[in-house]
């Protein structure tokens, strides 16, 4: 799957900070720490080697010991200030206070006492340090879905009880499911319930704003997550990998965001500035919506029957508006 640009940026900054404190580290150890391959670490070092501060002359760039790297050891010799403690200006501090206050009202934080305590502690310290500017700030977010649904989900999580959901998926199909709730996760602009679906006999992710109703059952949950961290995008990619349906899209450069925000298997840049993405499709309705929404940027679609289905959906939509 293509890596998101923001994910790589976080890792690049993390590598510099880690090496500054840890000293020389073997490539394999660094790869294991950041959960990537040794080859990816070498690519990251190559990128950092040509990064630095304005001026971008040799003395302005992040530097490593080249001889050590040839021997498989990563040794940072010049961090160009990226390892210095961050000092926030007033506007930056106020922005962080606003973000923390917004985060404190999200279902994923409110449903987890540990998370709520961490956010509250950080918010208290930052508010005190920012002073009057933070005191005058008021942030309120609208609810994510039905408050009654959120209340039922948080009660089930707190008491370890099973949930019965009435859920509508991306294809507008409504179903009833008994779910062992594991965790609420806020990612991008949506909140997800991650748990074990007894109907599907597997781990599933449910968008909270698509849950039409939720009842807390008397039964205790009978399944637990295998790992401590739940990644919504990782699950989407894992489920997609089980599907034999593969689509290849050629897109204009203006749609580059798709390669970064949609779970894709590969990205290939083309000489004319366009690019090609390959992705597995578990829900044809989702792909149709993606292509119709971004139709001006779609140059070609394979296989041909996928393109025909999307074209037919477009014709039906226009007919519904009396424009065909």
Protein backbone atom coordinates (compact mmCIF):
# COMPACT_ATOMS: atom_id res chain seq x y z
CA UNK A 1 0.00 0.00 0.00
CA UNK A 2 1.31 3.49 -0.83
CA UNK A 3 2.59 5.34 2.20
CA UNK A 4 0.88 8.54 3.24
CA UNK A 5 3.13 11.61 3.03
CA UNK A 6 2.29 12.73 6.57
CA UNK A 7 3.16 9.28 7.96
CA UNK A 8 6.58 9.40 6.34
CA UNK A 9 7.21 12.94 7.58
CA UNK A 10 6.50 11.87 11.17
CA UNK A 11 8.92 8.95 10.80
CA UNK A 12 11.65 11.13 9.27
CA UNK A 13 11.45 13.58 12.16
CA UNK A 14 11.32 10.67 14.61
CA UNK A 15 14.48 9.13 13.16
CA UNK A 16 16.44 12.35 13.67
CA UNK A 17 15.19 12.76 17.25
CA UNK A 18 15.84 9.11 18.12
CA UNK A 19 19.38 9.08 16.72
CA UNK A 20 20.23 12.28 18.57
CA UNK A 21 19.47 10.58 21.87
CA UNK A 22 20.47 7.00 21.11
CA UNK A 23 23.66 7.54 19.13
CA UNK A 24 24.71 5.24 16.27
CA UNK A 25 22.15 2.48 15.63
CA UNK A 26 22.21 -0.43 13.20
CA UNK A 27 19.93 -0.13 10.18
CA UNK A 28 18.03 -3.29 11.14
CA UNK A 29 17.38 -2.04 14.68
CA UNK A 30 16.13 1.30 13.37
CA UNK A 31 13.86 -0.50 10.90
CA UNK A 32 12.39 -2.66 13.67
CA UNK A 33 11.81 0.36 15.92
CA UNK A 34 9.91 2.26 13.21
CA UNK A 35 8.14 -0.85 11.82
CA UNK A 36 9.52 -0.55 8.29
CA UNK A 37 12.04 -2.46 6.17
CA UNK A 38 15.80 -1.78 6.25
CA UNK A 39 15.53 -0.65 2.63
CA UNK A 40 12.93 1.95 3.63
CA UNK A 41 15.25 3.23 6.38
CA UNK A 42 18.04 3.66 3.82
CA UNK A 43 15.61 5.59 1.60
CA UNK A 44 14.67 7.77 4.57
CA UNK A 45 18.33 8.51 5.32
CA UNK A 46 18.86 9.47 1.66
CA UNK A 47 15.91 11.88 1.92
CA UNK A 48 17.16 13.39 5.20
CA UNK A 49 20.64 13.81 3.72
CA UNK A 50 19.29 16.44 1.31
CA UNK A 51 17.03 18.12 3.88
CA UNK A 52 17.93 21.03 6.11
CA UNK A 53 17.42 24.71 6.83
CA UNK A 54 16.91 27.56 4.30
CA UNK A 55 19.95 28.19 2.19
CA UNK A 56 20.22 24.45 1.63
CA UNK A 57 23.96 24.65 1.05
CA UNK A 58 26.04 21.68 2.26
CA UNK A 59 26.55 23.24 5.70
CA UNK A 60 22.78 23.74 6.05
CA UNK A 61 21.83 20.06 5.56
CA UNK A 62 21.23 17.21 8.00
CA UNK A 63 24.30 14.97 7.90
CA UNK A 64 25.24 11.37 8.66
CA UNK A 65 28.50 9.44 8.80
CA UNK A 66 28.73 7.92 5.31
CA UNK A 67 31.41 5.38 6.26
CA UNK A 68 29.31 4.07 9.15
CA UNK A 69 26.26 3.73 6.90
CA UNK A 70 28.25 1.60 4.47
CA UNK A 71 28.89 -0.74 7.41
CA UNK A 72 25.17 -0.84 8.27
CA UNK A 73 25.33 1.69 11.12
CA UNK A 74 23.31 4.94 11.10
CA UNK A 75 25.15 7.75 12.86
CA UNK A 76 23.74 11.30 12.92
CA UNK A 77 26.45 13.97 12.84
CA UNK A 78 24.35 17.11 12.26
CA UNK A 79 20.67 17.51 13.15
CA UNK A 80 20.35 21.14 11.96
CA UNK A 81 18.29 22.11 15.00
CA UNK A 82 15.57 19.48 14.57
CA UNK A 83 16.54 17.95 17.92
CA UNK A 84 16.13 21.19 19.91
CA UNK A 85 13.09 21.42 22.23
CA UNK A 86 10.12 22.98 20.47
CA UNK A 87 9.23 26.52 21.54
CA UNK A 88 5.68 27.54 20.72
CA UNK A 89 4.55 31.00 19.81
CA UNK A 90 1.24 32.31 21.17
CA UNK A 91 -0.69 31.50 17.98
CA UNK A 92 0.75 27.96 17.89
CA UNK A 93 -0.07 27.38 21.56
CA UNK A 94 -3.64 28.62 21.09
CA UNK A 95 -4.04 26.31 18.08
CA UNK A 96 -2.89 23.34 20.18
CA UNK A 97 -5.24 24.30 23.02
CA UNK A 98 -8.12 24.44 20.52
CA UNK A 99 -7.15 21.03 19.11
CA UNK A 100 -6.91 19.46 22.58
CA UNK A 101 -10.27 20.89 23.64
CA UNK A 102 -11.83 19.54 20.46
CA UNK A 103 -10.13 16.18 21.02
CA UNK A 104 -11.44 15.99 24.59
CA UNK A 105 -15.03 16.02 23.28
CA UNK A 106 -14.58 13.21 20.72
CA UNK A 107 -16.23 9.86 21.47
CA UNK A 108 -12.91 8.01 21.24
CA UNK A 109 -11.46 10.08 24.09
CA UNK A 110 -14.59 10.31 26.24
CA UNK A 111 -15.04 6.53 26.14
CA UNK A 112 -11.48 5.83 27.33
CA UNK A 113 -10.59 7.12 30.85
CA UNK A 114 -6.87 6.69 30.15
CA UNK A 115 -7.00 8.78 27.00
CA UNK A 116 -9.20 11.38 28.67
CA UNK A 117 -6.72 11.74 31.55
CA UNK A 118 -3.77 12.24 29.17
CA UNK A 119 -5.62 14.86 27.11
CA UNK A 120 -6.85 16.66 30.24
CA UNK A 121 -3.34 16.76 31.72
CA UNK A 122 -1.78 18.13 28.53
CA UNK A 123 -4.58 20.66 28.14
CA UNK A 124 -4.20 21.88 31.74
CA UNK A 125 -0.44 22.43 31.39
CA UNK A 126 -0.68 24.11 27.99
CA UNK A 127 -3.56 26.37 29.07
CA UNK A 128 -1.60 27.52 32.12
CA UNK A 129 1.46 28.26 30.00
CA UNK A 130 -0.52 30.14 27.32
CA UNK A 131 -2.36 32.43 29.73
CA UNK A 132 -5.20 34.78 28.82
CA UNK A 133 -5.24 33.87 25.12
CA UNK A 134 -6.17 30.28 25.97
CA UNK A 135 -8.68 31.32 28.63
CA UNK A 136 -10.64 33.29 26.04
CA UNK A 137 -10.83 30.34 23.66
CA UNK A 138 -14.07 28.39 23.34
CA UNK A 139 -14.24 25.27 21.16
CA UNK A 140 -17.39 23.22 20.68
CA UNK A 141 -17.87 20.40 18.20
CA UNK A 142 -21.10 19.02 16.84
CA UNK A 143 -22.08 15.49 17.71
CA UNK A 144 -20.87 12.50 15.68
CA UNK A 145 -24.05 10.59 14.87
CA UNK A 146 -26.94 9.90 17.24
CA UNK A 147 -26.15 10.80 20.90
CA UNK A 148 -28.24 7.81 22.02
CA UNK A 149 -26.05 5.51 19.93
CA UNK A 150 -22.89 7.02 21.38
CA UNK A 151 -24.30 6.63 24.89
CA UNK A 152 -25.07 2.94 24.31
CA UNK A 153 -21.65 2.29 22.81
CA UNK A 154 -19.77 3.98 25.65
CA UNK A 155 -21.85 2.09 28.25
CA UNK A 156 -21.09 -1.21 26.52
CA UNK A 157 -17.38 -0.41 26.43
CA UNK A 158 -17.34 0.60 30.08
CA UNK A 159 -19.24 -2.49 31.29
CA UNK A 160 -17.83 -5.08 28.87
CA UNK A 161 -21.25 -5.89 27.36
CA UNK A 162 -22.21 -6.97 23.87
CA UNK A 163 -24.00 -4.57 21.52
CA UNK A 164 -26.80 -5.16 19.04
CA UNK A 165 -26.43 -2.68 16.18
CA UNK A 166 -28.70 -1.66 13.34
CA UNK A 167 -26.16 -0.59 10.75
CA UNK A 168 -26.27 0.81 7.21
CA UNK A 169 -23.13 0.23 5.12
CA UNK A 170 -21.64 2.24 2.25
CA UNK A 171 -23.86 0.38 -0.23
CA UNK A 172 -26.98 1.56 1.71
CA UNK A 173 -27.74 -1.96 2.96
CA UNK A 174 -29.17 -2.16 6.49
CA UNK A 175 -28.37 -5.11 8.74
CA UNK A 176 -28.57 -6.17 12.39
CA UNK A 177 -25.36 -7.31 14.04
CA UNK A 178 -24.30 -8.48 17.47
CA UNK A 179 -20.90 -6.95 18.19
CA UNK A 180 -18.35 -7.30 20.99
CA UNK A 181 -17.12 -3.68 21.26
CA UNK A 182 -13.35 -3.24 21.66
CA UNK A 183 -12.55 0.39 21.08
CA UNK A 184 -13.66 3.73 19.63
CA UNK A 185 -11.22 5.30 17.18
CA UNK A 186 -11.37 8.81 15.72
CA UNK A 187 -9.59 9.02 12.38
CA UNK A 188 -9.77 11.84 9.84
CA UNK A 189 -13.28 13.30 10.24
CA UNK A 190 -15.13 10.22 11.50
CA UNK A 191 -15.42 8.04 14.60
CA UNK A 192 -15.34 4.25 14.29
CA UNK A 193 -16.34 1.40 16.58
CA UNK A 194 -13.91 -1.50 16.26
CA UNK A 195 -15.00 -4.90 17.53
CA UNK A 196 -15.85 -8.51 16.83
CA UNK A 197 -18.91 -8.98 14.61
CA UNK A 198 -20.59 -12.32 15.43
CA UNK A 199 -22.54 -12.28 12.18
CA UNK A 200 -19.36 -11.97 10.10
CA UNK A 201 -17.31 -14.07 12.56
CA UNK A 202 -14.47 -11.58 12.36
CA UNK A 203 -13.13 -8.18 13.33
CA UNK A 204 -15.04 -5.32 11.75
CA UNK A 205 -15.07 -1.51 11.83
CA UNK A 206 -18.35 0.43 11.99
CA UNK A 207 -18.64 4.15 11.30
CA UNK A 208 -20.54 5.59 14.23
CA UNK A 209 -22.61 7.93 12.06
CA UNK A 210 -23.90 4.89 10.13
CA UNK A 211 -25.20 3.15 13.24
CA UNK A 212 -28.97 3.68 13.19
CA UNK A 213 -29.58 2.10 16.59
CA UNK A 214 -27.62 0.41 19.38
CA UNK A 215 -28.81 -1.70 22.33
CA UNK A 216 -26.63 -2.92 25.18
CA UNK A 217 -27.24 -6.65 25.72
CA UNK A 218 -26.96 -8.65 28.92
CA UNK A 219 -24.24 -10.91 27.49
CA UNK A 220 -20.65 -10.09 28.34
CA UNK A 221 -18.18 -9.75 25.48
CA UNK A 222 -16.56 -13.07 24.61
CA UNK A 223 -13.71 -11.85 22.38
CA UNK A 224 -10.78 -9.52 22.94
CA UNK A 225 -8.46 -7.73 20.47
CA UNK A 226 -5.17 -9.49 19.84
CA UNK A 227 -3.12 -6.27 19.86
CA UNK A 228 -3.25 -3.11 21.92
CA UNK A 229 -3.33 -0.77 18.93
CA UNK A 230 -6.27 -0.67 16.53
CA UNK A 231 -5.58 0.96 13.16
CA UNK A 232 -8.65 1.58 11.03
CA UNK A 233 -6.68 1.99 7.80
CA UNK A 234 -4.64 -1.15 8.52
CA UNK A 235 -7.88 -3.11 8.91
CA UNK A 236 -9.26 -1.72 5.66
CA UNK A 237 -6.08 -2.76 3.88
CA UNK A 238 -6.17 -6.20 5.50
CA UNK A 239 -9.78 -6.80 4.47
CA UNK A 240 -9.07 -5.55 0.95
CA UNK A 241 -6.18 -7.98 0.60
CA UNK A 242 -8.62 -10.88 0.88
CA UNK A 243 -10.62 -9.68 -2.11
CA UNK A 244 -9.70 -10.89 -5.59
CA UNK A 245 -11.20 -7.79 -7.19
CA UNK A 246 -8.46 -5.44 -8.42
CA UNK A 247 -8.92 -2.09 -10.17
CA UNK A 248 -6.32 0.11 -11.85
CA UNK A 249 -7.05 3.83 -12.09
CA UNK A 250 -5.12 6.38 -14.15
CA UNK A 251 -5.63 9.81 -12.62
CA UNK A 252 -4.60 13.39 -13.37
CA UNK A 253 -1.96 14.94 -11.12
CA UNK A 254 -4.66 17.10 -9.49
CA UNK A 255 -6.04 13.96 -7.80
CA UNK A 256 -2.77 13.08 -6.03
CA UNK A 257 -4.60 13.10 -2.69
CA UNK A 258 -6.22 9.79 -3.65
CA UNK A 259 -2.84 8.03 -3.59
CA UNK A 260 -2.25 9.29 -0.06
CA UNK A 261 -5.67 9.00 1.55
CA UNK A 262 -7.13 5.89 -0.08
CA UNK A 263 -5.61 2.46 0.79
CA UNK A 264 -3.91 1.48 -2.48
CA UNK A 265 -1.49 -1.33 -3.29
CA UNK A 266 0.83 0.60 -5.58
CA UNK A 267 1.37 4.00 -7.18
CA UNK A 268 3.17 4.56 -10.49
CA UNK A 269 4.03 8.02 -11.82
CA UNK A 270 3.66 8.41 -15.59
CA UNK A 271 5.74 10.57 -17.97
CA UNK A 272 2.88 12.95 -18.79
CA UNK A 273 2.43 13.94 -15.12
CA UNK A 274 -0.53 11.65 -14.45
CA UNK A 275 -0.23 8.64 -12.16
CA UNK A 276 -1.65 5.15 -11.85
CA UNK A 277 -2.94 3.48 -8.69
CA UNK A 278 -3.77 -0.18 -8.17
CA UNK A 279 -6.27 -1.06 -5.46
CA UNK A 280 -8.36 -3.98 -4.29
CA UNK A 281 -12.09 -3.39 -4.06
CA UNK A 282 -14.31 -4.99 -1.43
CA UNK A 283 -17.26 -2.67 -2.02
CA UNK A 284 -18.11 -1.76 -5.66
CA UNK A 285 -20.44 1.02 -4.47
CA UNK A 286 -17.51 2.69 -2.70
CA UNK A 287 -15.39 2.62 -5.87
CA UNK A 288 -18.26 3.97 -7.97
CA UNK A 289 -18.73 6.87 -5.55
CA UNK A 290 -14.98 7.61 -5.55
CA UNK A 291 -14.83 7.68 -9.35
CA UNK A 292 -18.04 9.68 -9.83
CA UNK A 293 -16.98 12.26 -7.25
CA UNK A 294 -13.61 12.72 -8.94
CA UNK A 295 -14.75 12.15 -12.54
CA UNK A 296 -12.95 15.21 -14.02
CA UNK A 297 -9.62 13.76 -12.83
CA UNK A 298 -10.20 10.14 -13.98
CA UNK A 299 -8.35 9.37 -17.22
CA UNK A 300 -8.92 5.60 -17.46
CA UNK A 301 -10.25 2.67 -15.45
CA UNK A 302 -9.47 -1.04 -15.69
CA UNK A 303 -10.95 -3.59 -15.93
CA UNK A 304 -13.42 -2.43 -18.54
CA UNK A 305 -16.49 -3.76 -16.71
CA UNK A 306 -15.71 -1.48 -13.75
CA UNK A 307 -15.69 1.50 -16.11
CA UNK A 308 -18.99 0.35 -17.64
CA UNK A 309 -20.59 0.00 -14.19
CA UNK A 310 -19.50 3.51 -13.23
CA UNK A 311 -20.76 4.92 -16.53
CA UNK A 312 -24.11 3.18 -16.02
CA UNK A 313 -24.35 4.60 -12.50
CA UNK A 314 -23.67 8.09 -13.87
CA UNK A 315 -26.38 7.67 -16.52
CA UNK A 316 -28.86 6.49 -13.88
CA UNK A 317 -28.02 9.46 -11.67
CA UNK A 318 -28.55 11.91 -14.51
CA UNK A 319 -31.81 10.21 -15.45
CA UNK A 320 -33.02 10.65 -11.91
CA UNK A 321 -32.55 14.40 -12.35
CA UNK A 322 -34.19 14.37 -15.78
CA UNK A 323 -30.98 15.40 -17.54
CA UNK A 324 -30.38 12.34 -19.74
